[in-house]
Protein backbone atom coordinates (compact mmCIF):
# COMPACT_ATOMS: atom_id res chain seq x y z
CA MET A 1 -10.04 11.42 -10.07
CA VAL A 2 -11.21 8.38 -8.06
CA LYS A 3 -10.52 5.13 -10.02
CA SER A 4 -13.34 3.25 -8.52
CA GLU A 5 -15.65 5.90 -10.09
CA SER A 6 -13.88 5.98 -13.52
CA SER A 7 -15.58 3.06 -15.15
CA ASP A 8 -16.68 5.21 -17.94
CA ILE A 9 -13.05 5.79 -19.07
CA GLU A 10 -12.36 3.97 -22.34
CA VAL A 11 -9.89 1.14 -22.17
CA GLY A 12 -6.59 2.34 -23.28
CA ARG A 13 -7.25 6.02 -22.19
CA MET A 14 -5.37 7.76 -19.34
CA TYR A 15 -7.06 8.16 -15.98
CA PHE A 16 -5.87 11.75 -15.86
CA ARG A 17 -6.36 13.91 -18.82
CA TYR A 18 -3.43 15.99 -19.93
CA ALA A 19 -5.40 19.07 -18.74
CA ASP A 20 -5.55 17.62 -15.39
CA HIS A 21 -1.78 16.78 -15.05
CA PHE A 22 0.00 18.57 -12.10
CA PRO A 23 3.55 18.78 -10.80
CA GLY A 24 4.29 16.41 -7.88
CA ARG A 25 7.06 15.49 -5.56
CA ILE A 26 7.36 11.79 -4.38
CA SER A 27 9.10 10.68 -1.17
CA SER A 28 10.29 7.10 -1.57
CA MET A 29 10.58 4.96 1.54
CA CYS A 30 13.10 2.68 -0.23
CA ASN A 31 16.80 3.53 0.58
CA LEU A 32 18.59 0.97 -1.55
CA SER A 33 21.93 2.73 -1.64
CA SER A 34 22.11 3.48 2.02
CA VAL A 35 21.26 -0.12 3.01
CA ILE A 36 23.85 -1.55 0.64
CA LYS A 37 26.42 1.04 2.19
CA ALA A 38 25.53 -0.19 5.66
CA ILE A 39 25.81 -3.85 4.80
CA GLU A 40 29.20 -3.29 3.19
CA GLU A 41 30.58 -1.24 6.17
CA LYS A 42 29.21 -3.40 9.00
CA LEU A 43 29.86 -6.97 7.98
CA THR A 44 33.28 -8.48 8.34
CA LYS A 45 35.01 -9.53 5.23
CA ARG A 46 34.15 -13.18 5.79
CA GLN A 47 30.44 -12.27 6.43
CA LEU A 48 30.25 -10.01 3.41
CA ASN A 49 31.57 -12.81 1.20
CA LEU A 50 28.78 -14.99 2.53
CA PHE A 51 26.31 -12.29 1.47
CA LYS A 52 27.85 -12.05 -1.94
CA LYS A 53 27.04 -15.75 -2.57
CA ASP A 54 23.35 -15.50 -1.30
CA VAL A 55 20.04 -14.44 -2.65
CA PHE A 56 20.38 -10.70 -2.75
CA GLU A 57 24.09 -10.68 -3.74
CA TYR A 58 23.90 -8.70 -7.02
CA PHE A 59 22.12 -5.73 -5.41
CA LEU A 60 25.51 -4.94 -3.83
CA GLU A 61 26.28 -3.51 -7.26
CA CYS A 62 23.58 -0.85 -6.81
CA ARG A 63 25.75 1.26 -4.54
CA SER A 64 24.59 4.47 -6.22
CA PHE A 65 21.00 4.44 -7.15
CA PRO A 66 19.41 7.70 -6.18
CA PHE A 67 15.61 7.91 -6.38
CA SER A 68 14.09 10.07 -9.05
CA GLY A 69 10.50 11.10 -7.89
CA VAL A 70 10.13 13.46 -10.96
CA ILE A 71 10.33 10.71 -13.50
CA LEU A 72 8.17 8.32 -11.53
CA HIS A 73 5.53 11.03 -11.10
CA ASN A 74 5.42 11.83 -14.69
CA LEU A 75 4.89 8.14 -15.32
CA LEU A 76 2.01 7.74 -12.77
CA LEU A 77 0.15 10.69 -14.39
CA ARG A 78 0.12 8.51 -17.62
CA GLN A 79 -1.48 5.37 -16.14
CA VAL A 80 -3.92 3.87 -18.64
CA ALA A 81 -7.39 2.14 -17.93
CA HIS A 82 -7.56 -1.53 -18.87
CA GLU A 83 -10.31 -4.13 -19.07
CA GLU A 84 -11.98 -5.18 -15.77
CA ASP A 85 -11.61 -8.76 -16.63
CA SER A 86 -7.87 -8.43 -17.41
CA ARG A 87 -5.16 -9.57 -14.91
CA GLU A 88 -5.13 -7.20 -11.85
CA ASP A 89 -1.27 -7.52 -11.56
CA GLN A 90 -0.63 -5.23 -14.48
CA LEU A 91 -0.04 -1.42 -14.70
CA TRP A 92 -0.32 0.22 -18.03
CA PHE A 93 1.10 3.65 -18.97
CA GLN A 94 1.14 5.82 -22.09
CA ILE A 95 4.38 7.33 -23.14
CA GLY A 96 3.92 9.59 -26.16
CA GLU A 97 1.83 7.43 -28.59
CA HIS A 98 2.94 4.17 -27.09
CA LEU A 99 1.59 1.78 -24.42
CA THR A 100 4.01 0.07 -21.93
CA CYS A 101 3.16 -2.64 -19.40
CA LEU A 102 4.62 -3.23 -15.94
CA SER A 103 3.63 -6.74 -14.66
CA ILE A 104 5.15 -9.55 -12.59
CA VAL A 105 6.98 -10.65 -15.76
CA GLU A 106 8.85 -7.44 -16.23
CA TRP A 107 9.35 -7.12 -12.51
CA CYS A 108 11.13 -10.37 -12.20
CA LEU A 109 13.31 -9.70 -15.35
CA VAL A 110 14.45 -6.41 -13.95
CA THR A 111 14.95 -7.26 -10.34
CA GLY A 112 16.17 -10.81 -10.73
CA LEU A 113 13.65 -11.93 -7.91
CA SER A 114 11.74 -15.02 -8.21
CA TYR A 115 7.99 -15.66 -8.60
CA GLY A 116 6.09 -18.54 -7.05
CA VAL A 117 3.78 -19.37 -4.26
CA ASP A 118 4.63 -18.34 -0.78
CA THR A 119 4.47 -20.89 2.07
CA GLU A 120 4.08 -20.58 5.66
CA LEU A 121 6.93 -21.65 7.85
CA ARG A 122 5.79 -24.58 10.02
CA ASN A 123 7.16 -26.14 13.12
CA ASN A 124 9.96 -23.36 13.49
CA LYS A 125 12.16 -24.77 16.26
CA THR A 126 14.14 -21.49 16.55
CA VAL A 127 11.28 -19.03 16.71
CA HIS A 128 12.33 -15.56 18.17
CA ARG A 129 15.91 -16.76 18.65
CA LEU A 130 17.49 -13.93 16.67
CA ARG A 131 15.03 -11.51 18.30
CA ASN A 132 15.92 -12.72 21.82
CA THR A 133 19.61 -12.75 21.15
CA TYR A 134 20.22 -9.52 19.39
CA PHE A 135 17.04 -7.30 19.66
CA GLY A 136 15.91 -7.23 23.24
CA GLY A 137 13.44 -10.15 23.20
CA VAL A 138 9.76 -10.64 22.03
CA HIS A 139 8.24 -7.96 24.05
CA ARG A 140 10.22 -5.21 22.40
CA LYS A 141 8.53 -3.33 19.69
CA ILE A 142 11.00 -2.12 16.97
CA LYS A 143 10.12 0.51 14.31
CA LEU A 144 11.88 0.61 10.99
CA LYS A 145 13.98 3.64 11.87
CA GLU A 146 15.05 2.19 15.10
CA PHE A 147 16.04 -1.17 13.45
CA ASP A 148 18.23 0.65 10.96
CA ALA A 149 20.00 2.26 13.88
CA LEU A 150 20.22 -1.07 15.73
CA PHE A 151 21.79 -2.64 12.74
CA LYS A 152 24.49 -0.09 12.41
CA LYS A 153 25.31 -0.43 16.12
CA LEU A 154 25.62 -4.26 16.08
CA LYS A 155 29.06 -5.65 16.85
CA PHE A 156 29.27 -7.99 13.80
CA GLU A 157 32.83 -8.90 14.46
CA GLU A 158 31.81 -10.55 17.69
CA MET A 159 28.84 -12.30 16.03
CA ASP A 160 28.49 -15.76 14.60
CA ASP A 161 28.93 -15.48 10.89
CA MET A 162 25.67 -17.21 9.97
CA ASP A 163 23.74 -15.07 12.29
CA ALA A 164 25.33 -11.97 10.70
CA LEU A 165 24.26 -13.22 7.26
CA LYS A 166 20.74 -13.89 8.33
CA ILE A 167 20.42 -10.42 9.89
CA ALA A 168 21.89 -8.71 6.86
CA LEU A 169 19.41 -10.66 4.59
CA PHE A 170 16.52 -9.61 6.78
CA TYR A 171 17.74 -6.02 6.99
CA PHE A 172 17.78 -5.83 3.09
CA ALA A 173 14.46 -7.54 2.58
CA ASN A 174 12.62 -5.53 5.37
CA ILE A 175 14.08 -2.06 4.53
CA VAL A 176 14.34 -2.26 0.71
CA LEU A 177 11.80 -4.81 -0.68
CA ASN A 178 9.27 -3.92 2.15
CA ALA A 179 9.94 -0.24 2.43
CA ARG A 180 7.44 1.66 4.55
CA LYS A 181 7.37 4.69 6.65
CA ASN A 182 9.78 4.77 9.59
CA HIS A 183 7.22 4.60 12.34
CA CYS A 184 5.98 1.13 11.09
CA GLN A 185 7.08 -2.01 13.01
CA ILE A 186 9.59 -4.26 11.33
CA ASN A 187 8.18 -7.63 9.95
CA PHE A 188 8.85 -9.97 12.82
CA ASP A 189 7.55 -12.99 10.89
CA TRP A 190 10.32 -12.22 8.30
CA LEU A 191 12.92 -11.97 11.15
CA ASN A 192 11.82 -15.29 12.54
CA GLY A 193 11.80 -16.88 9.08
CA VAL A 194 15.29 -15.87 8.19
CA ASP A 195 16.49 -18.05 11.03
CA ASN A 196 15.57 -20.96 8.70
CA ILE A 197 17.77 -19.70 5.98
CA GLU A 198 16.78 -22.13 3.27
CA TYR A 199 13.17 -21.26 3.82
CA PHE A 200 13.96 -17.59 3.53
CA ARG A 201 16.19 -18.09 0.31
CA ASN A 202 13.31 -19.84 -1.31
CA ARG A 203 10.56 -17.48 -0.70
CA PRO A 204 9.22 -15.88 -3.84
CA TRP A 205 10.72 -12.42 -3.19
CA GLY A 206 9.75 -11.13 -6.65
CA LEU A 207 6.02 -11.86 -5.86
CA LEU A 208 6.28 -10.54 -2.22
CA SER A 209 7.87 -7.18 -3.44
CA TRP A 210 5.63 -6.95 -6.46
CA GLU A 211 2.41 -7.16 -4.56
CA MET A 212 3.49 -4.21 -2.29
CA ILE A 213 4.87 -1.96 -5.16
CA TYR A 214 1.85 -2.80 -7.33
CA GLU A 215 -0.71 -1.62 -4.70
CA SER A 216 1.43 1.36 -3.90
CA LEU A 217 1.75 2.59 -7.50
CA ASP A 218 -1.83 1.90 -8.37
CA ASP A 219 -3.11 4.06 -5.44
CA ALA A 220 -0.36 6.64 -5.45
CA LEU A 221 -2.37 9.44 -7.18
CA PHE A 222 -5.78 8.52 -5.61
CA GLU A 223 -7.59 11.87 -5.50
CA LYS A 224 -4.34 13.86 -5.69
CA ASP A 225 -5.57 15.86 -8.84
CA GLU A 226 -8.56 17.05 -6.70
CA LYS A 227 -6.45 17.81 -3.72
CA PHE A 228 -4.05 19.82 -5.90
CA LYS A 229 -6.89 21.94 -7.39
CA MET A 230 -8.65 22.56 -4.06
CA THR A 231 -5.37 23.56 -2.37
CA ARG A 232 -4.51 25.89 -5.17
CA LEU A 233 -7.90 27.58 -4.86
CA LYS A 234 -7.21 28.35 -1.20
CA ASN A 235 -3.50 29.11 -1.81
CA PRO A 236 -2.46 30.34 -5.34
CA ASP A 237 1.21 29.78 -4.49
CA HIS A 238 0.73 26.03 -4.11
CA ASN A 239 2.48 24.70 -7.15
CA ILE A 240 3.38 21.05 -6.32
CA GLU A 241 1.65 18.05 -4.73
CA LYS A 242 3.66 15.95 -2.28
CA TYR A 243 3.05 12.29 -1.66
CA ASN A 244 4.69 9.01 -0.63
CA VAL A 245 5.34 5.74 -2.56
CA TYR A 246 6.07 2.61 -0.66
CA GLY A 247 7.96 -0.63 -1.63
CA PHE A 248 10.88 -1.31 -3.86
CA THR A 249 10.87 1.94 -5.95
CA SER A 250 14.34 1.24 -7.25
CA GLY A 251 12.98 -1.82 -9.12
CA VAL A 252 10.37 0.57 -10.71
CA GLN A 253 13.02 3.03 -11.79
CA ALA A 254 15.11 0.30 -13.47
CA TRP A 255 11.98 -0.87 -15.35
CA ILE A 256 11.46 2.69 -16.65
CA TYR A 257 14.96 2.76 -17.83
CA GLU A 258 14.52 -0.51 -19.70
CA ALA A 259 11.06 0.21 -21.09
CA ILE A 260 11.58 3.84 -22.42
CA GLY A 261 14.39 4.28 -24.89
CA GLY A 262 16.31 7.53 -25.45
CA LEU A 263 16.27 8.75 -21.84
CA PRO A 264 18.91 11.66 -21.41
CA SER A 265 22.35 10.76 -20.05
CA THR A 266 21.67 13.50 -17.43
CA TRP A 267 18.99 11.28 -15.99
CA VAL A 268 20.48 7.76 -16.21
CA VAL A 269 23.39 5.96 -17.80
CA LYS A 270 23.57 2.41 -18.78
CA THR A 271 27.05 1.16 -17.67
CA LYS A 272 26.92 -2.69 -17.79
CA LYS A 273 25.56 -5.53 -19.85
CA LYS A 274 24.92 -7.81 -16.94
CA ILE A 275 21.84 -9.43 -15.47
CA PRO A 276 19.50 -8.87 -13.78
CA ARG A 277 18.79 -5.67 -15.59
CA ILE A 278 18.67 -3.42 -12.54
CA VAL A 279 22.51 -3.59 -12.11
CA GLN A 280 23.09 -2.21 -15.68
CA TRP A 281 21.83 1.31 -14.74
CA LYS A 282 23.33 4.25 -12.88
CA PRO A 283 20.71 6.96 -12.15
CA MET A 284 21.84 10.53 -11.90
CA ALA A 285 21.09 12.74 -8.90
CA SER A 286 17.46 13.79 -8.97
CA SER A 287 18.25 17.34 -8.33
CA ARG A 288 19.37 17.67 -11.95
CA ILE A 289 15.92 16.77 -13.17
CA ASN A 290 12.80 18.91 -13.17
CA PHE A 291 9.15 18.31 -13.87
CA ALA A 292 8.81 20.32 -17.15
CA GLU A 293 11.83 18.60 -18.71
CA VAL A 294 10.42 15.11 -18.13
CA TYR A 295 6.92 16.13 -18.99
CA SER A 296 8.07 17.42 -22.33
CA PHE A 297 10.29 14.46 -23.11
CA PHE A 298 7.45 11.89 -22.45
CA ASN A 299 5.34 13.80 -25.05
CA ASP A 300 7.95 14.35 -27.55
CA GLU A 301 7.96 11.52 -30.23
CA SER A 302 11.06 13.02 -31.93
CA ARG A 303 13.09 12.45 -28.78
CA LEU A 304 11.66 9.22 -27.57
CA GLY A 305 13.57 5.99 -28.41
CA ASP A 306 11.78 2.60 -28.61
CA VAL A 307 9.10 2.15 -25.99
CA LEU A 308 8.73 -1.53 -25.10
CA GLN A 309 5.16 -2.78 -24.49
CA THR A 310 6.40 -5.87 -22.75
CA PHE A 311 9.74 -7.51 -21.99
CA GLU A 312 11.12 -10.81 -23.32
CA PRO A 313 14.10 -12.63 -21.78
CA ASN A 314 17.38 -12.71 -23.62
CA SER A 315 19.48 -15.81 -24.04
CA LYS A 316 21.30 -15.56 -20.67
CA GLU A 317 17.94 -14.68 -18.80
CA SER A 318 16.14 -17.63 -20.22
CA SER A 319 18.20 -20.06 -18.21
CA LYS A 320 17.96 -18.25 -14.89
CA LYS A 321 15.77 -19.45 -12.06
CA TYR A 322 13.93 -16.22 -11.69
CA TRP A 323 12.70 -16.33 -15.30
CA LEU A 324 11.86 -20.15 -15.14
CA THR A 325 9.70 -19.41 -12.08
CA VAL A 326 7.76 -16.79 -14.30
CA VAL A 327 7.37 -19.36 -17.08
CA LEU A 328 6.04 -22.13 -14.59
CA ASN A 329 3.62 -19.86 -12.86
CA GLN A 330 2.20 -18.53 -16.19
CA LEU A 331 1.82 -22.04 -17.42
CA TRP A 332 0.37 -23.47 -14.14
CA ASN A 333 -1.71 -20.65 -12.99
CA ASN A 334 -2.99 -19.22 -16.40
CA GLY A 335 -6.54 -18.43 -15.42
CA ASN A 336 -9.75 -20.41 -14.92
CA CYS A 337 -9.50 -24.08 -15.66
CA ALA A 338 -10.22 -25.35 -19.15
CA VAL A 339 -8.31 -27.78 -21.19
CA ASP A 340 -6.42 -26.88 -24.45
CA SER A 341 -4.62 -28.99 -26.85
CA LEU A 342 -1.58 -27.71 -28.83
CA VAL A 343 -1.37 -29.34 -32.29
CA LEU A 344 2.01 -29.49 -34.21
CA ASP A 345 1.57 -30.73 -37.81
CA ASP A 346 -1.06 -33.31 -36.66
CA ARG A 347 1.80 -35.23 -34.93
CA LEU A 348 1.73 -34.07 -31.49
CA ASN A 349 -1.23 -33.41 -29.03
CA CYS A 350 -0.11 -31.62 -25.90
CA TYR A 351 -2.79 -31.13 -23.15
CA LEU A 352 -2.64 -28.69 -20.24
CA CYS A 353 -4.85 -26.72 -17.97
CA GLY A 354 -5.41 -23.08 -18.34
CA ARG A 355 -6.75 -20.46 -20.70
CA GLN A 356 -5.16 -17.63 -22.49
CA HIS A 357 -5.69 -14.03 -21.08
CA THR A 358 -5.94 -11.06 -23.44
CA MET A 359 -6.29 -7.32 -23.06
CA SER A 360 -8.20 -5.15 -25.44
CA LYS A 361 -7.23 -5.19 -29.07
CA SER A 362 -5.39 -2.00 -28.66
CA MET A 363 -3.07 -3.73 -26.10
CA THR A 364 -1.81 -6.81 -27.86
CA ASP A 365 0.81 -9.21 -26.80
CA VAL A 366 0.16 -8.72 -23.14
CA ASP A 367 0.83 -12.38 -21.99
CA MET A 368 2.68 -14.88 -24.07
CA PRO A 369 -0.09 -17.13 -25.72
CA LEU A 370 -0.27 -20.83 -24.76
CA GLU A 371 1.39 -21.87 -27.94
CA VAL A 372 4.35 -19.85 -26.99
CA ILE A 373 4.55 -20.72 -23.28
CA PHE A 374 4.15 -24.49 -23.60
CA ARG A 375 6.63 -24.68 -26.45
CA ARG A 376 9.09 -22.83 -24.21
CA TRP A 377 8.34 -25.18 -21.33
CA LEU A 378 9.10 -28.17 -23.41
CA GLU A 379 12.52 -26.70 -24.23
CA TYR A 380 13.16 -26.10 -20.57
CA VAL A 381 12.48 -29.65 -19.57
CA CYS A 382 14.56 -31.04 -22.46
CA PHE A 383 11.55 -32.71 -24.11
CA TYR A 384 13.16 -32.80 -27.45
CA ASN A 385 16.26 -34.61 -26.08
CA ILE A 386 13.99 -37.54 -25.89
CA ARG A 387 11.42 -36.70 -28.63
CA LEU A 388 13.68 -35.23 -31.21
CA GLU A 389 11.35 -36.31 -34.06
CA LEU A 390 8.84 -33.91 -32.84
CA ARG A 391 10.93 -30.72 -33.08
CA SER A 392 9.60 -28.37 -35.72
CA ALA A 393 9.80 -24.65 -36.56
CA ASP A 394 6.20 -24.64 -37.87
CA PRO A 395 3.62 -22.51 -35.93
CA TRP A 396 1.44 -24.17 -33.26
CA LYS A 397 -2.21 -23.95 -33.13
CA VAL A 398 -4.60 -23.91 -30.08
CA ILE A 399 -7.60 -26.12 -30.18
CA VAL A 400 -10.05 -27.36 -27.48
CA VAL A 401 -10.11 -31.04 -26.53
CA LYS A 402 -12.87 -31.61 -23.88
CA SER A 403 -12.01 -35.44 -23.77
CA ALA A 404 -8.66 -34.86 -22.26
CA PRO A 405 -8.20 -35.61 -18.58
CA GLN A 406 -9.16 -32.74 -16.33
CA GLN A 407 -8.50 -31.83 -12.68
CA GLU A 408 -11.50 -31.13 -10.36
CA PRO A 409 -12.46 -27.40 -10.28
CA GLY A 410 -10.93 -25.41 -7.32
CA THR A 411 -8.40 -28.12 -6.43
CA GLY A 412 -5.33 -26.24 -7.45
CA ASP A 413 -4.00 -29.30 -9.38
CA CYS A 414 -3.17 -27.46 -12.60
CA GLY A 415 0.64 -27.73 -11.85
CA VAL A 416 0.50 -31.44 -11.27
CA PHE A 417 -1.46 -32.00 -14.33
CA VAL A 418 0.98 -30.00 -16.48
CA LEU A 419 3.90 -32.16 -15.12
CA VAL A 420 2.10 -35.41 -15.56
CA PHE A 421 0.91 -34.45 -19.18
CA THR A 422 4.51 -33.50 -20.02
CA MET A 423 5.86 -36.77 -18.60
CA TYR A 424 3.44 -38.97 -20.53
CA LEU A 425 4.00 -37.18 -23.72
CA MET A 426 7.79 -37.29 -23.27
CA PHE A 427 7.53 -41.12 -23.14
CA GLY A 428 4.82 -41.62 -25.53
CA LEU A 429 2.25 -42.90 -23.00
CA ARG A 430 -1.50 -42.90 -23.47
CA LEU A 431 -3.26 -40.24 -21.31
CA GLU A 432 -5.09 -42.83 -19.21
CA PHE A 433 -5.32 -41.09 -15.78
CA ASN A 434 -7.83 -38.81 -14.07
CA ALA A 435 -8.30 -36.58 -11.10
CA SER A 436 -8.36 -39.58 -8.78
CA HIS A 437 -4.62 -40.21 -9.41
CA VAL A 438 -3.47 -36.75 -8.39
CA GLU A 439 -2.59 -37.82 -4.82
CA TYR A 440 -0.32 -40.51 -6.19
CA PHE A 441 1.36 -38.18 -8.54
CA ARG A 442 1.97 -35.56 -5.86
CA LYS A 443 3.66 -38.24 -3.73
CA LYS A 444 5.67 -39.38 -6.73
CA ILE A 445 6.90 -35.83 -7.57
CA THR A 446 7.79 -35.24 -3.91
CA VAL A 447 9.91 -38.42 -3.80
CA ASP A 448 11.56 -37.57 -7.21
CA ILE A 449 12.49 -34.17 -5.92
CA PHE A 450 13.85 -35.67 -2.73
CA TYR A 451 16.15 -38.03 -4.74
CA ASP A 452 17.12 -35.39 -7.33
CA ASP A 453 15.32 -36.94 -10.04
CA ILE A 454 13.54 -33.73 -10.64
CA VAL A 455 15.79 -30.70 -10.23
CA LEU A 456 14.24 -27.47 -9.14
């Protein structure tokens, strides 16, 4: 089936009918375990300790994370159609009689990678330095397979420790998070960017990896059912369809393990109670798992455990940077600009920009509604430390207040307005400002961040 031609499929229905399901074998371009092994073997003890304190450090615990294409293929066969006006960064699947969603929210909770807005590195004074020093200069083209070999041949014991750390961080990001076919070129922009290590650390790796895996999963079965049928007509012995999936597939596996309860211990075992969630799981070798077994399990309500529609953070996750980036972006970028007011017992009016997104009625609780997000936001910024008298367990209501200050359409000033509204409410100030004051507020926020009056 071609998804672009499947507009007649009812929301909540699978793109592929059960009668059209077919066995498949996926090749994943992501080699998480082998990359971790190479990093641990090649870096010196001092360099490895630096890596253990950096942005991708917890992935070192994923030394044994074999890919299970059988489980992922069975999941993809169950992709569900959703409304055209719903957010595009969601994938819905039907497991038994249950719906489960993979979105940027679940992705960040599972992988521990941050959400946010990616920025371009400007005025890079060390452009191409690593490339010139270690990889043959700017005129040398390097494919992924070649770079993997080059990494393993580098003499790290003779290398500056910070250069070794930068190359290892790039190696992980480019081979794991940005996994593609071996003949593809490495991402030279990322290699240049890692030389500014603070810039590299602060990039939204959750968003960057999500964009690639989302596109790969959404297109993975494009016309594969028709291809399987046509090939089988020509060759009756054809009994499996082979295809590739790109991006950080290990993150998808970890999400499956979290979302679908009751998975057999011959497939995966939960070994830890740590965060992020990906480090809790130890997948078994894929050779032990066959298509018929997984297909039967996904349709057997008596064997399925709890199937989570969406994920919520636990108490430990709620304080982590990667979850805070999700909350901030949901709050700041929550759709088309409108102005809502949250009313708590007629004692508090909280104004913000954004509107609530919803799926169809059969898919409830897709996004946290504004009355949940904004209330959680106030907790994060310690609002009630100053306005203790406004804390209440009573439910919030959402109403429209058109007289509240509004940003100009298309300016991207939603985030500034949220911060300013919060500050004014925290100190009991009247909301006497408008869009003309945004430039001043942007400068003030920048200065406050610089002097650590606002901590990111």
